[in-house]
Amino acid sequence: MILAVIGCPLPELPYNSHAITKDDRLDVRCNYTREAWHLTCKDGVWIGQTGNCSTGNFHSTPKQMHDYKTTYS
């Protein structure tokens, strides 16, 4: 029996964030601010970027961008 996994595995999330998945979409949202990022799964790769969720106010720190283009086998 051969099993194949279709889709993308959940990537490592920024500290103080959570993820919501639906179909081929991943929404990453900060727990303490309104910041959110949207990624799309294509051919086993997450396409899009997330930032850094701080516990300060919405405009307190610049975003550190993480680019997800990692292929999983």
Protein backbone atom coordinates (compact mmCIF):
# COMPACT_ATOMS: atom_id res chain seq x y z
CA MET A 1 0.00 0.00 0.00
CA ILE A 2 1.33 3.42 -0.96
CA LEU A 3 0.02 6.50 0.78
CA ALA A 4 0.42 10.00 -0.60
CA VAL A 5 -0.03 13.20 1.34
CA ILE A 6 -1.69 15.97 -0.58
CA GLY A 7 -1.26 19.58 0.49
CA CYS A 8 1.24 21.44 2.62
CA PRO A 9 2.31 20.69 6.20
CA LEU A 10 1.76 23.42 8.75
CA PRO A 11 4.86 25.67 8.81
CA GLU A 12 6.50 26.93 11.97
CA LEU A 13 4.42 29.87 13.12
CA PRO A 14 5.64 33.16 14.56
CA TYR A 15 5.61 33.40 18.36
CA ASN A 16 2.27 34.69 19.71
CA SER A 17 0.29 33.63 16.64
CA HIS A 18 -2.21 31.02 15.56
CA ALA A 19 -3.24 29.55 12.22
CA ILE A 20 -6.56 28.93 10.55
CA THR A 21 -6.60 26.61 7.55
CA LYS A 22 -9.24 26.09 4.91
CA ASP A 23 -8.66 24.12 1.74
CA ASP A 24 -5.41 25.47 0.23
CA ARG A 25 -5.32 28.65 2.33
CA LEU A 26 -3.50 29.36 5.59
CA ASP A 27 -4.32 32.47 7.60
CA VAL A 28 -1.75 33.35 10.26
CA ARG A 29 -3.02 35.81 12.86
CA CYS A 30 -1.27 37.48 15.76
CA ASN A 31 -2.80 36.77 19.17
CA TYR A 32 -2.43 40.33 20.55
CA THR A 33 -2.61 42.58 17.48
CA ARG A 34 -4.70 42.76 14.32
CA GLU A 35 -1.85 41.70 12.07
CA ALA A 36 -2.63 38.79 9.75
CA TRP A 37 -1.05 37.14 6.71
CA HIS A 38 -2.49 34.85 4.07
CA LEU A 39 -0.56 32.01 2.43
CA THR A 40 -1.62 29.62 -0.32
CA CYS A 41 -0.56 26.00 -0.74
CA LYS A 42 0.60 25.14 -4.25
CA ASP A 43 2.27 21.84 -5.15
CA GLY A 44 3.33 21.15 -1.54
CA VAL A 45 4.78 24.65 -1.03
CA TRP A 46 3.37 27.53 1.03
CA ILE A 47 3.43 30.71 -1.04
CA GLY A 48 3.39 33.97 0.89
CA GLN A 49 5.00 35.68 3.83
CA THR A 50 4.35 36.09 7.53
CA GLY A 51 5.66 38.71 9.89
CA ASN A 52 6.68 38.89 13.50
CA CYS A 53 3.88 39.04 16.09
CA SER A 54 4.89 41.29 18.94
CA THR A 55 2.94 41.83 22.15
CA GLY A 56 3.17 45.63 21.76
CA ASN A 57 0.66 47.80 20.01
CA PHE A 58 -0.14 47.45 16.31
CA HIS A 59 2.47 50.02 15.16
CA SER A 60 5.18 49.36 17.75
CA THR A 61 7.71 47.34 15.75
CA PRO A 62 8.59 46.81 12.10
CA LYS A 63 7.74 43.42 10.60
CA GLN A 64 10.41 40.81 10.19
CA MET A 65 9.33 38.93 7.10
CA HIS A 66 9.54 35.15 6.77
CA ASP A 67 9.19 33.89 3.21
CA TYR A 68 7.66 30.41 2.99
CA LYS A 69 8.72 28.70 -0.21
CA THR A 70 9.88 25.43 1.30
CA THR A 71 9.14 22.16 -0.43
CA TYR A 72 8.30 19.19 1.75
CA SER A 73 8.63 15.61 0.60
